[in-house]
Amino acid sequence: MKKKIRLLITISLVLSFVISITVIGIKRLDYHNGAEDYFNAQLVAGLSTMPRELPEEAEETDFWAEALAGTDLVSLRAVNPEVIGWIAIPETELSYPVLQAEDNKYYLNHTWNNDQSSVGSFFMECQISPNMRSFNTIIYGHKMRNGSMFGNLLNYDDIEYWKEHPSIYVVTDEGVCRYDIFAAYEVGVREIVYRININSKKRRSDFIQFCLKNSTIDTGIVPTVQDKVLTLSTCTGRGHSTRFVVQGVLHGVFPVAASDDELSS
């Protein structure tokens, strides 16, 4: 009887080990395929040769805005017409297309070229305009365990990390938008951060004060009610009731490179 029990325990342990190894293998393959999808996105966008660090010879102009100005959104849309832009935080691995669907579910488990994957995509809140003119534009994305996607956002609870990576760039049809980061913190999913159509000055002021009050870093940047805010939202790893957000205020919009069609017209 004892031998049978030991045998059953051994079989159970072996099965558990095999299942665990299989799950890990599937997850690693999923991450690998996701990374390949987004490397291909950089190729299509013409960003595969973009430098990882600011060159010593860079001039006083905004080097990163100029480097991103040639992002080929037209070619990206030839693969997926729901591409609305490109997001990057210079000198990090964060450089990806941004999508927008009819809901906020599809791109949770689909990459930019519609491959099903737990990596998902960066996608804009479906209820707001993709032109970045809303008072608060929200972009969602996963925080992957290998550091990809929004894997670096939680680093912004350290002021030293902010000093090294103070700005977010978003490329749209209208230009390269630079957002200077002013807040980073964990927040409940029902808080004002996720409200849509914050139009009154009072509500906008409440929004700004909430962000500054809850931020774990003090950057010295204080938005006004006339400004445009970008909110990047990702999971915390501590359940579904809270998210970690990094927020920037629009500093400027730089022109994008003319397309071939525009040059030939």
C-alpha atoms as a PDB file:
ATOM      1  CA  MET A   1       0.000   0.000   0.000  1.00  0.00           C
ATOM      2  CA  LYS A   2       2.807   2.392   0.950  1.00  0.00           C
ATOM      3  CA  LYS A   3       4.611   1.573  -2.312  1.00  0.00           C
ATOM      4  CA  LYS A   4       1.495   2.461  -4.308  1.00  0.00           C
ATOM      5  CA  ILE A   5       1.154   5.756  -2.445  1.00  0.00           C
ATOM      6  CA  ARG A   6       4.826   6.583  -3.080  1.00  0.00           C
ATOM      7  CA  LEU A   7       4.385   5.696  -6.738  1.00  0.00           C
ATOM      8  CA  LEU A   8       1.327   7.939  -7.050  1.00  0.00           C
ATOM      9  CA  ILE A   9       3.178  10.790  -5.342  1.00  0.00           C
ATOM     10  CA  THR A  10       6.153  10.302  -7.684  1.00  0.00           C
ATOM     11  CA  ILE A  11       3.897  10.280 -10.756  1.00  0.00           C
ATOM     12  CA  SER A  12       2.124  13.421  -9.537  1.00  0.00           C
ATOM     13  CA  LEU A  13       5.429  15.218  -9.005  1.00  0.00           C
ATOM     14  CA  VAL A  14       6.701  14.196 -12.431  1.00  0.00           C
ATOM     15  CA  LEU A  15       3.466  15.339 -14.095  1.00  0.00           C
ATOM     16  CA  SER A  16       3.597  18.656 -12.247  1.00  0.00           C
ATOM     17  CA  PHE A  17       7.194  19.152 -13.358  1.00  0.00           C
ATOM     18  CA  VAL A  18       6.377  18.328 -16.991  1.00  0.00           C
ATOM     19  CA  ILE A  19       3.379  20.663 -16.971  1.00  0.00           C
ATOM     20  CA  SER A  20       5.444  23.478 -15.431  1.00  0.00           C
ATOM     21  CA  ILE A  21       8.211  23.070 -18.003  1.00  0.00           C
ATOM     22  CA  THR A  22       5.639  23.010 -20.804  1.00  0.00           C
ATOM     23  CA  VAL A  23       3.957  26.201 -19.565  1.00  0.00           C
ATOM     24  CA  ILE A  24       7.323  27.948 -19.252  1.00  0.00           C
ATOM     25  CA  GLY A  25       8.246  26.809 -22.751  1.00  0.00           C
ATOM     26  CA  ILE A  26       4.984  28.080 -24.220  1.00  0.00           C
ATOM     27  CA  LYS A  27       5.390  31.420 -22.429  1.00  0.00           C
ATOM     28  CA  ARG A  28       8.954  31.840 -23.685  1.00  0.00           C
ATOM     29  CA  LEU A  29       7.854  31.019 -27.227  1.00  0.00           C
ATOM     30  CA  ASP A  30       5.046  33.563 -26.902  1.00  0.00           C
ATOM     31  CA  TYR A  31       7.513  36.225 -25.754  1.00  0.00           C
ATOM     32  CA  HIS A  32       9.917  35.319 -28.566  1.00  0.00           C
ATOM     33  CA  ASN A  33       7.213  35.545 -31.218  1.00  0.00           C
ATOM     34  CA  GLY A  34       5.978  38.835 -29.757  1.00  0.00           C
ATOM     35  CA  ALA A  35       9.491  40.286 -29.828  1.00  0.00           C
ATOM     36  CA  GLU A  36       9.835  39.195 -33.447  1.00  0.00           C
ATOM     37  CA  ASP A  37       6.519  40.844 -34.362  1.00  0.00           C
ATOM     38  CA  TYR A  38       7.669  44.153 -32.896  1.00  0.00           C
ATOM     39  CA  PHE A  39      11.141  43.963 -34.414  1.00  0.00           C
ATOM     40  CA  ASN A  40       9.364  43.600 -37.754  1.00  0.00           C
ATOM     41  CA  ALA A  41       7.250  46.628 -36.859  1.00  0.00           C
ATOM     42  CA  GLN A  42      10.421  48.671 -36.411  1.00  0.00           C
ATOM     43  CA  LEU A  43      11.624  47.498 -39.809  1.00  0.00           C
ATOM     44  CA  VAL A  44       8.340  48.466 -41.464  1.00  0.00           C
ATOM     45  CA  ALA A  45       8.353  51.833 -39.688  1.00  0.00           C
ATOM     46  CA  GLY A  46      11.929  52.538 -40.772  1.00  0.00           C
ATOM     47  CA  LEU A  47      13.155  52.758 -37.174  1.00  0.00           C
ATOM     48  CA  SER A  48      15.386  49.684 -36.965  1.00  0.00           C
ATOM     49  CA  THR A  49      18.537  51.832 -37.215  1.00  0.00           C
ATOM     50  CA  MET A  50      17.430  54.467 -34.710  1.00  0.00           C
ATOM     51  CA  PRO A  51      20.268  55.008 -32.185  1.00  0.00           C
ATOM     52  CA  ARG A  52      19.847  53.663 -28.660  1.00  0.00           C
ATOM     53  CA  GLU A  53      21.715  56.562 -27.068  1.00  0.00           C
ATOM     54  CA  LEU A  54      21.934  60.287 -27.703  1.00  0.00           C
ATOM     55  CA  PRO A  55      24.946  60.875 -29.985  1.00  0.00           C
ATOM     56  CA  GLU A  56      27.661  63.114 -28.569  1.00  0.00           C
ATOM     57  CA  GLU A  57      27.466  65.296 -31.678  1.00  0.00           C
ATOM     58  CA  ALA A  58      23.707  65.909 -31.258  1.00  0.00           C
ATOM     59  CA  GLU A  59      22.824  69.582 -31.627  1.00  0.00           C
ATOM     60  CA  GLU A  60      20.626  71.755 -29.435  1.00  0.00           C
ATOM     61  CA  THR A  61      17.501  70.776 -31.391  1.00  0.00           C
ATOM     62  CA  ASP A  62      15.331  67.901 -30.181  1.00  0.00           C
ATOM     63  CA  PHE A  63      17.338  64.998 -31.579  1.00  0.00           C
ATOM     64  CA  TRP A  64      14.749  62.338 -30.724  1.00  0.00           C
ATOM     65  CA  ALA A  65      11.873  64.241 -32.309  1.00  0.00           C
ATOM     66  CA  GLU A  66      13.907  64.576 -35.502  1.00  0.00           C
ATOM     67  CA  ALA A  67      14.877  60.882 -35.424  1.00  0.00           C
ATOM     68  CA  LEU A  68      11.222  59.843 -35.079  1.00  0.00           C
ATOM     69  CA  ALA A  69       9.921  62.291 -37.682  1.00  0.00           C
ATOM     70  CA  GLY A  70      10.503  59.771 -40.466  1.00  0.00           C
ATOM     71  CA  THR A  71       8.360  57.028 -38.889  1.00  0.00           C
ATOM     72  CA  ASP A  72       6.512  55.354 -41.749  1.00  0.00           C
ATOM     73  CA  LEU A  73       2.949  55.153 -40.455  1.00  0.00           C
ATOM     74  CA  VAL A  74       1.627  54.577 -43.973  1.00  0.00           C
ATOM     75  CA  SER A  75       3.545  51.306 -44.340  1.00  0.00           C
ATOM     76  CA  LEU A  76       2.469  50.197 -40.878  1.00  0.00           C
ATOM     77  CA  ARG A  77      -1.160  50.817 -41.813  1.00  0.00           C
ATOM     78  CA  ALA A  78      -0.729  48.733 -44.937  1.00  0.00           C
ATOM     79  CA  VAL A  79      -0.269  45.819 -42.514  1.00  0.00           C
ATOM     80  CA  ASN A  80      -2.905  46.971 -40.017  1.00  0.00           C
ATOM     81  CA  PRO A  81      -5.106  50.031 -40.678  1.00  0.00           C
ATOM     82  CA  GLU A  82      -5.774  50.375 -36.932  1.00  0.00           C
ATOM     83  CA  VAL A  83      -2.239  51.683 -36.349  1.00  0.00           C
ATOM     84  CA  ILE A  84      -2.673  55.289 -35.209  1.00  0.00           C
ATOM     85  CA  GLY A  85       0.892  56.133 -34.220  1.00  0.00           C
ATOM     86  CA  TRP A  86       4.196  55.164 -32.644  1.00  0.00           C
ATOM     87  CA  ILE A  87       5.366  55.585 -29.046  1.00  0.00           C
ATOM     88  CA  ALA A  88       8.946  55.704 -27.790  1.00  0.00           C
ATOM     89  CA  ILE A  89      10.885  56.561 -24.658  1.00  0.00           C
ATOM     90  CA  PRO A  90      14.443  57.328 -25.820  1.00  0.00           C
ATOM     91  CA  GLU A  91      17.346  55.245 -24.525  1.00  0.00           C
ATOM     92  CA  THR A  92      14.997  52.459 -23.403  1.00  0.00           C
ATOM     93  CA  GLU A  93      13.568  49.420 -25.179  1.00  0.00           C
ATOM     94  CA  LEU A  94      10.159  51.087 -25.380  1.00  0.00           C
ATOM     95  CA  SER A  95       9.524  51.718 -29.083  1.00  0.00           C
ATOM     96  CA  TYR A  96       6.266  50.306 -30.458  1.00  0.00           C
ATOM     97  CA  PRO A  97       3.267  51.038 -32.676  1.00  0.00           C
ATOM     98  CA  VAL A  98       0.058  52.270 -31.049  1.00  0.00           C
ATOM     99  CA  LEU A  99      -3.291  50.795 -32.097  1.00  0.00           C
ATOM    100  CA  GLN A 100      -6.919  51.726 -31.522  1.00  0.00           C
ATOM    101  CA  ALA A 101      -9.817  49.293 -31.893  1.00  0.00           C
ATOM    102  CA  GLU A 102     -13.557  49.544 -31.362  1.00  0.00           C
ATOM    103  CA  ASP A 103     -13.083  48.167 -27.846  1.00  0.00           C
ATOM    104  CA  ASN A 104     -10.346  47.939 -25.212  1.00  0.00           C
ATOM    105  CA  LYS A 105     -10.163  44.139 -25.298  1.00  0.00           C
ATOM    106  CA  TYR A 106      -8.864  43.030 -28.693  1.00  0.00           C
ATOM    107  CA  TYR A 107      -5.287  44.272 -28.354  1.00  0.00           C
ATOM    108  CA  LEU A 108      -4.899  42.851 -24.872  1.00  0.00           C
ATOM    109  CA  ASN A 109      -4.014  39.559 -26.573  1.00  0.00           C
ATOM    110  CA  HIS A 110      -3.151  40.489 -30.166  1.00  0.00           C
ATOM    111  CA  THR A 111       0.036  42.051 -31.479  1.00  0.00           C
ATOM    112  CA  TRP A 112       0.060  44.909 -33.953  1.00  0.00           C
ATOM    113  CA  ASN A 113      -0.181  42.556 -36.960  1.00  0.00           C
ATOM    114  CA  ASN A 114      -3.141  40.673 -35.442  1.00  0.00           C
ATOM    115  CA  ASP A 115      -1.178  37.657 -34.184  1.00  0.00           C
ATOM    116  CA  GLN A 116      -2.755  36.239 -31.030  1.00  0.00           C
ATOM    117  CA  SER A 117      -0.306  36.642 -28.160  1.00  0.00           C
ATOM    118  CA  SER A 118      -0.241  37.390 -24.439  1.00  0.00           C
ATOM    119  CA  VAL A 119       2.210  40.189 -25.261  1.00  0.00           C
ATOM    120  CA  GLY A 120      -0.631  42.197 -26.791  1.00  0.00           C
ATOM    121  CA  SER A 121      -0.163  45.728 -28.108  1.00  0.00           C
ATOM    122  CA  PHE A 122      -0.098  49.322 -26.961  1.00  0.00           C
ATOM    123  CA  PHE A 123      -3.565  50.675 -27.629  1.00  0.00           C
ATOM    124  CA  MET A 124      -5.344  53.966 -27.107  1.00  0.00           C
ATOM    125  CA  GLU A 125      -8.574  54.221 -25.123  1.00  0.00           C
ATOM    126  CA  CYS A 126     -11.303  53.419 -27.640  1.00  0.00           C
ATOM    127  CA  GLN A 127     -13.603  56.242 -26.535  1.00  0.00           C
ATOM    128  CA  ILE A 128     -11.259  59.126 -27.304  1.00  0.00           C
ATOM    129  CA  SER A 129     -10.082  60.712 -30.533  1.00  0.00           C
ATOM    130  CA  PRO A 130      -6.766  59.346 -31.899  1.00  0.00           C
ATOM    131  CA  ASN A 131      -5.511  62.850 -32.755  1.00  0.00           C
ATOM    132  CA  MET A 132      -4.034  63.395 -29.240  1.00  0.00           C
ATOM    133  CA  ARG A 133      -6.193  66.511 -28.744  1.00  0.00           C
ATOM    134  CA  SER A 134      -8.090  65.232 -25.711  1.00  0.00           C
ATOM    135  CA  PHE A 135      -7.227  66.745 -22.351  1.00  0.00           C
ATOM    136  CA  ASN A 136      -6.175  63.283 -21.180  1.00  0.00           C
ATOM    137  CA  THR A 137      -5.090  60.696 -23.754  1.00  0.00           C
ATOM    138  CA  ILE A 138      -4.777  57.181 -22.296  1.00  0.00           C
ATOM    139  CA  ILE A 139      -2.576  54.438 -23.774  1.00  0.00           C
ATOM    140  CA  TYR A 140      -2.748  50.938 -22.283  1.00  0.00           C
ATOM    141  CA  GLY A 141      -0.225  48.106 -22.460  1.00  0.00           C
ATOM    142  CA  HIS A 142       1.053  45.044 -20.638  1.00  0.00           C
ATOM    143  CA  LYS A 143       4.071  44.978 -18.341  1.00  0.00           C
ATOM    144  CA  MET A 144       5.865  41.803 -19.409  1.00  0.00           C
ATOM    145  CA  ARG A 145       8.083  39.821 -17.057  1.00  0.00           C
ATOM    146  CA  ASN A 146      11.008  40.010 -19.477  1.00  0.00           C
ATOM    147  CA  GLY A 147      10.934  43.809 -19.313  1.00  0.00           C
ATOM    148  CA  SER A 148       9.339  44.315 -22.723  1.00  0.00           C
ATOM    149  CA  MET A 149       6.310  46.475 -23.577  1.00  0.00           C
ATOM    150  CA  PHE A 150       5.592  48.697 -20.516  1.00  0.00           C
ATOM    151  CA  GLY A 151       8.075  46.689 -18.444  1.00  0.00           C
ATOM    152  CA  ASN A 152      10.075  49.801 -17.602  1.00  0.00           C
ATOM    153  CA  LEU A 153       7.228  52.007 -16.372  1.00  0.00           C
ATOM    154  CA  LEU A 154       7.463  50.964 -12.729  1.00  0.00           C
ATOM    155  CA  ASN A 155      11.048  52.271 -12.739  1.00  0.00           C
ATOM    156  CA  TYR A 156       9.562  55.758 -12.734  1.00  0.00           C
ATOM    157  CA  ASP A 157       8.886  55.550  -9.010  1.00  0.00           C
ATOM    158  CA  ASP A 158      12.615  56.404  -8.770  1.00  0.00           C
ATOM    159  CA  ILE A 159      13.419  60.064  -9.462  1.00  0.00           C
ATOM    160  CA  GLU A 160      16.854  59.097 -10.785  1.00  0.00           C
ATOM    161  CA  TYR A 161      15.266  56.981 -13.514  1.00  0.00           C
ATOM    162  CA  TRP A 162      13.063  59.926 -14.463  1.00  0.00           C
ATOM    163  CA  LYS A 163      16.124  62.171 -14.753  1.00  0.00           C
ATOM    164  CA  GLU A 164      17.616  59.757 -17.280  1.00  0.00           C
ATOM    165  CA  HIS A 165      14.360  59.286 -19.249  1.00  0.00           C
ATOM    166  CA  PRO A 166      12.244  62.424 -18.756  1.00  0.00           C
ATOM    167  CA  SER A 167      10.162  62.408 -21.935  1.00  0.00           C
ATOM    168  CA  ILE A 168       7.754  60.301 -23.976  1.00  0.00           C
ATOM    169  CA  TYR A 169       7.397  60.724 -27.744  1.00  0.00           C
ATOM    170  CA  VAL A 170       4.283  59.828 -29.715  1.00  0.00           C
ATOM    171  CA  VAL A 171       4.289  60.027 -33.515  1.00  0.00           C
ATOM    172  CA  THR A 172       0.967  60.773 -35.201  1.00  0.00           C
ATOM    173  CA  ASP A 173      -0.100  62.069 -38.602  1.00  0.00           C
ATOM    174  CA  GLU A 174       0.026  65.582 -37.180  1.00  0.00           C
ATOM    175  CA  GLY A 175       3.582  65.413 -35.881  1.00  0.00           C
ATOM    176  CA  VAL A 176       5.920  64.086 -33.213  1.00  0.00           C
ATOM    177  CA  CYS A 177       4.420  64.909 -29.821  1.00  0.00           C
ATOM    178  CA  ARG A 178       6.841  65.252 -26.917  1.00  0.00           C
ATOM    179  CA  TYR A 179       5.406  64.774 -23.440  1.00  0.00           C
ATOM    180  CA  ASP A 180       7.512  65.676 -20.391  1.00  0.00           C
ATOM    181  CA  ILE A 181       6.795  63.291 -17.521  1.00  0.00           C
ATOM    182  CA  PHE A 182       5.368  64.937 -14.389  1.00  0.00           C
ATOM    183  CA  ALA A 183       3.863  62.047 -12.376  1.00  0.00           C
ATOM    184  CA  ALA A 184       4.114  58.301 -11.712  1.00  0.00           C
ATOM    185  CA  TYR A 185       2.076  56.279  -9.212  1.00  0.00           C
ATOM    186  CA  GLU A 186      -0.241  53.344  -8.519  1.00  0.00           C
ATOM    187  CA  VAL A 187      -3.915  54.169  -8.833  1.00  0.00           C
ATOM    188  CA  GLY A 188      -7.348  52.533  -8.582  1.00  0.00           C
ATOM    189  CA  VAL A 189      -9.055  51.745 -11.858  1.00  0.00           C
ATOM    190  CA  ARG A 190     -12.116  53.833 -10.898  1.00  0.00           C
ATOM    191  CA  GLU A 191     -10.218  57.045 -10.131  1.00  0.00           C
ATOM    192  CA  ILE A 192     -10.382  60.289 -12.106  1.00  0.00           C
ATOM    193  CA  VAL A 193      -7.307  59.265 -14.116  1.00  0.00           C
ATOM    194  CA  TYR A 194      -9.526  56.984 -16.220  1.00  0.00           C
ATOM    195  CA  ARG A 195     -12.435  59.396 -16.693  1.00  0.00           C
ATOM    196  CA  ILE A 196     -13.306  60.316 -20.280  1.00  0.00           C
ATOM    197  CA  ASN A 197     -14.202  63.842 -21.466  1.00  0.00           C
ATOM    198  CA  ILE A 198     -12.869  65.935 -18.595  1.00  0.00           C
ATOM    199  CA  ASN A 199     -13.965  69.272 -20.010  1.00  0.00           C
ATOM    200  CA  SER A 200     -14.615  71.769 -17.228  1.00  0.00           C
ATOM    201  CA  LYS A 201     -11.761  73.783 -15.720  1.00  0.00           C
ATOM    202  CA  LYS A 202     -12.776  72.587 -12.254  1.00  0.00           C
ATOM    203  CA  ARG A 203     -12.581  68.914 -13.226  1.00  0.00           C
ATOM    204  CA  ARG A 204      -9.299  69.441 -15.043  1.00  0.00           C
ATOM    205  CA  SER A 205      -7.869  71.205 -12.014  1.00  0.00           C
ATOM    206  CA  ASP A 206      -9.057  68.334  -9.786  1.00  0.00           C
ATOM    207  CA  PHE A 207      -7.435  65.872 -12.190  1.00  0.00           C
ATOM    208  CA  ILE A 208      -4.069  67.673 -12.102  1.00  0.00           C
ATOM    209  CA  GLN A 209      -4.101  67.982  -8.310  1.00  0.00           C
ATOM    210  CA  PHE A 210      -4.932  64.287  -7.959  1.00  0.00           C
ATOM    211  CA  CYS A 211      -1.992  63.338 -10.182  1.00  0.00           C
ATOM    212  CA  LEU A 212       0.497  65.570  -8.379  1.00  0.00           C
ATOM    213  CA  LYS A 213      -0.723  64.522  -4.931  1.00  0.00           C
ATOM    214  CA  ASN A 214      -0.414  60.812  -5.667  1.00  0.00           C
ATOM    215  CA  SER A 215       2.826  60.893  -7.631  1.00  0.00           C
ATOM    216  CA  THR A 216       5.763  59.118  -5.999  1.00  0.00           C
ATOM    217  CA  ILE A 217       8.177  61.504  -7.710  1.00  0.00           C
ATOM    218  CA  ASP A 218       8.344  65.308  -7.716  1.00  0.00           C
ATOM    219  CA  THR A 219       9.587  66.497 -11.099  1.00  0.00           C
ATOM    220  CA  GLY A 220       8.730  70.158 -10.561  1.00  0.00           C
ATOM    221  CA  ILE A 221       6.492  70.091 -13.664  1.00  0.00           C
ATOM    222  CA  VAL A 222       2.938  71.335 -13.034  1.00  0.00           C
ATOM    223  CA  PRO A 223       0.426  71.106 -15.925  1.00  0.00           C
ATOM    224  CA  THR A 224      -2.290  73.712 -16.408  1.00  0.00           C
ATOM    225  CA  VAL A 225      -5.936  73.196 -17.349  1.00  0.00           C
ATOM    226  CA  GLN A 226      -5.093  74.310 -20.905  1.00  0.00           C
ATOM    227  CA  ASP A 227      -2.435  71.607 -21.347  1.00  0.00           C
ATOM    228  CA  LYS A 228      -2.727  68.153 -22.928  1.00  0.00           C
ATOM    229  CA  VAL A 229      -1.849  65.147 -20.767  1.00  0.00           C
ATOM    230  CA  LEU A 230      -0.705  61.670 -21.793  1.00  0.00           C
ATOM    231  CA  THR A 231      -1.383  58.778 -19.391  1.00  0.00           C
ATOM    232  CA  LEU A 232       0.427  55.461 -19.874  1.00  0.00           C
ATOM    233  CA  SER A 233      -1.327  52.698 -17.941  1.00  0.00           C
ATOM    234  CA  THR A 234      -0.104  49.193 -17.130  1.00  0.00           C
ATOM    235  CA  CYS A 235      -0.687  46.385 -14.634  1.00  0.00           C
ATOM    236  CA  THR A 236       1.008  46.342 -11.239  1.00  0.00           C
ATOM    237  CA  GLY A 237       1.208  42.580 -10.757  1.00  0.00           C
ATOM    238  CA  ARG A 238      -0.979  42.945  -7.668  1.00  0.00           C
ATOM    239  CA  GLY A 239      -4.418  42.144  -9.023  1.00  0.00           C
ATOM    240  CA  HIS A 240      -6.937  43.953 -11.205  1.00  0.00           C
ATOM    241  CA  SER A 241      -8.073  46.755  -8.884  1.00  0.00           C
ATOM    242  CA  THR A 242      -5.094  49.055  -9.448  1.00  0.00           C
ATOM    243  CA  ARG A 243      -2.786  50.107 -12.264  1.00  0.00           C
ATOM    244  CA  PHE A 244       0.539  51.908 -12.470  1.00  0.00           C
ATOM    245  CA  VAL A 245       0.484  55.094 -14.510  1.00  0.00           C
ATOM    246  CA  VAL A 246       3.143  57.407 -15.888  1.00  0.00           C
ATOM    247  CA  GLN A 247       1.910  60.794 -17.048  1.00  0.00           C
ATOM    248  CA  GLY A 248       3.406  63.469 -19.236  1.00  0.00           C
ATOM    249  CA  VAL A 249       2.339  66.952 -20.319  1.00  0.00           C
ATOM    250  CA  LEU A 250       2.615  68.024 -23.940  1.00  0.00           C
ATOM    251  CA  HIS A 251       5.782  70.072 -24.454  1.00  0.00           C
ATOM    252  CA  GLY A 252       5.584  70.533 -28.198  1.00  0.00           C
ATOM    253  CA  VAL A 253       4.657  69.031 -31.568  1.00  0.00           C
ATOM    254  CA  PHE A 254       7.408  68.686 -34.163  1.00  0.00           C
ATOM    255  CA  PRO A 255       6.710  68.233 -37.895  1.00  0.00           C
ATOM    256  CA  VAL A 256       6.909  64.773 -39.454  1.00  0.00           C
ATOM    257  CA  ALA A 257       8.737  63.992 -42.682  1.00  0.00           C
ATOM    258  CA  ALA A 258       6.728  64.412 -45.887  1.00  0.00           C
ATOM    259  CA  SER A 259       5.521  61.177 -47.474  1.00  0.00           C
ATOM    260  CA  ASP A 260       6.450  60.160 -51.017  1.00  0.00           C
ATOM    261  CA  ASP A 261       2.921  61.029 -52.161  1.00  0.00           C
ATOM    262  CA  GLU A 262       3.210  64.520 -50.708  1.00  0.00           C
ATOM    263  CA  LEU A 263       6.624  65.060 -52.290  1.00  0.00           C
ATOM    264  CA  SER A 264       5.354  63.993 -55.721  1.00  0.00           C
ATOM    265  CA  SER A 265       2.199  66.140 -55.617  1.00  0.00           C
END
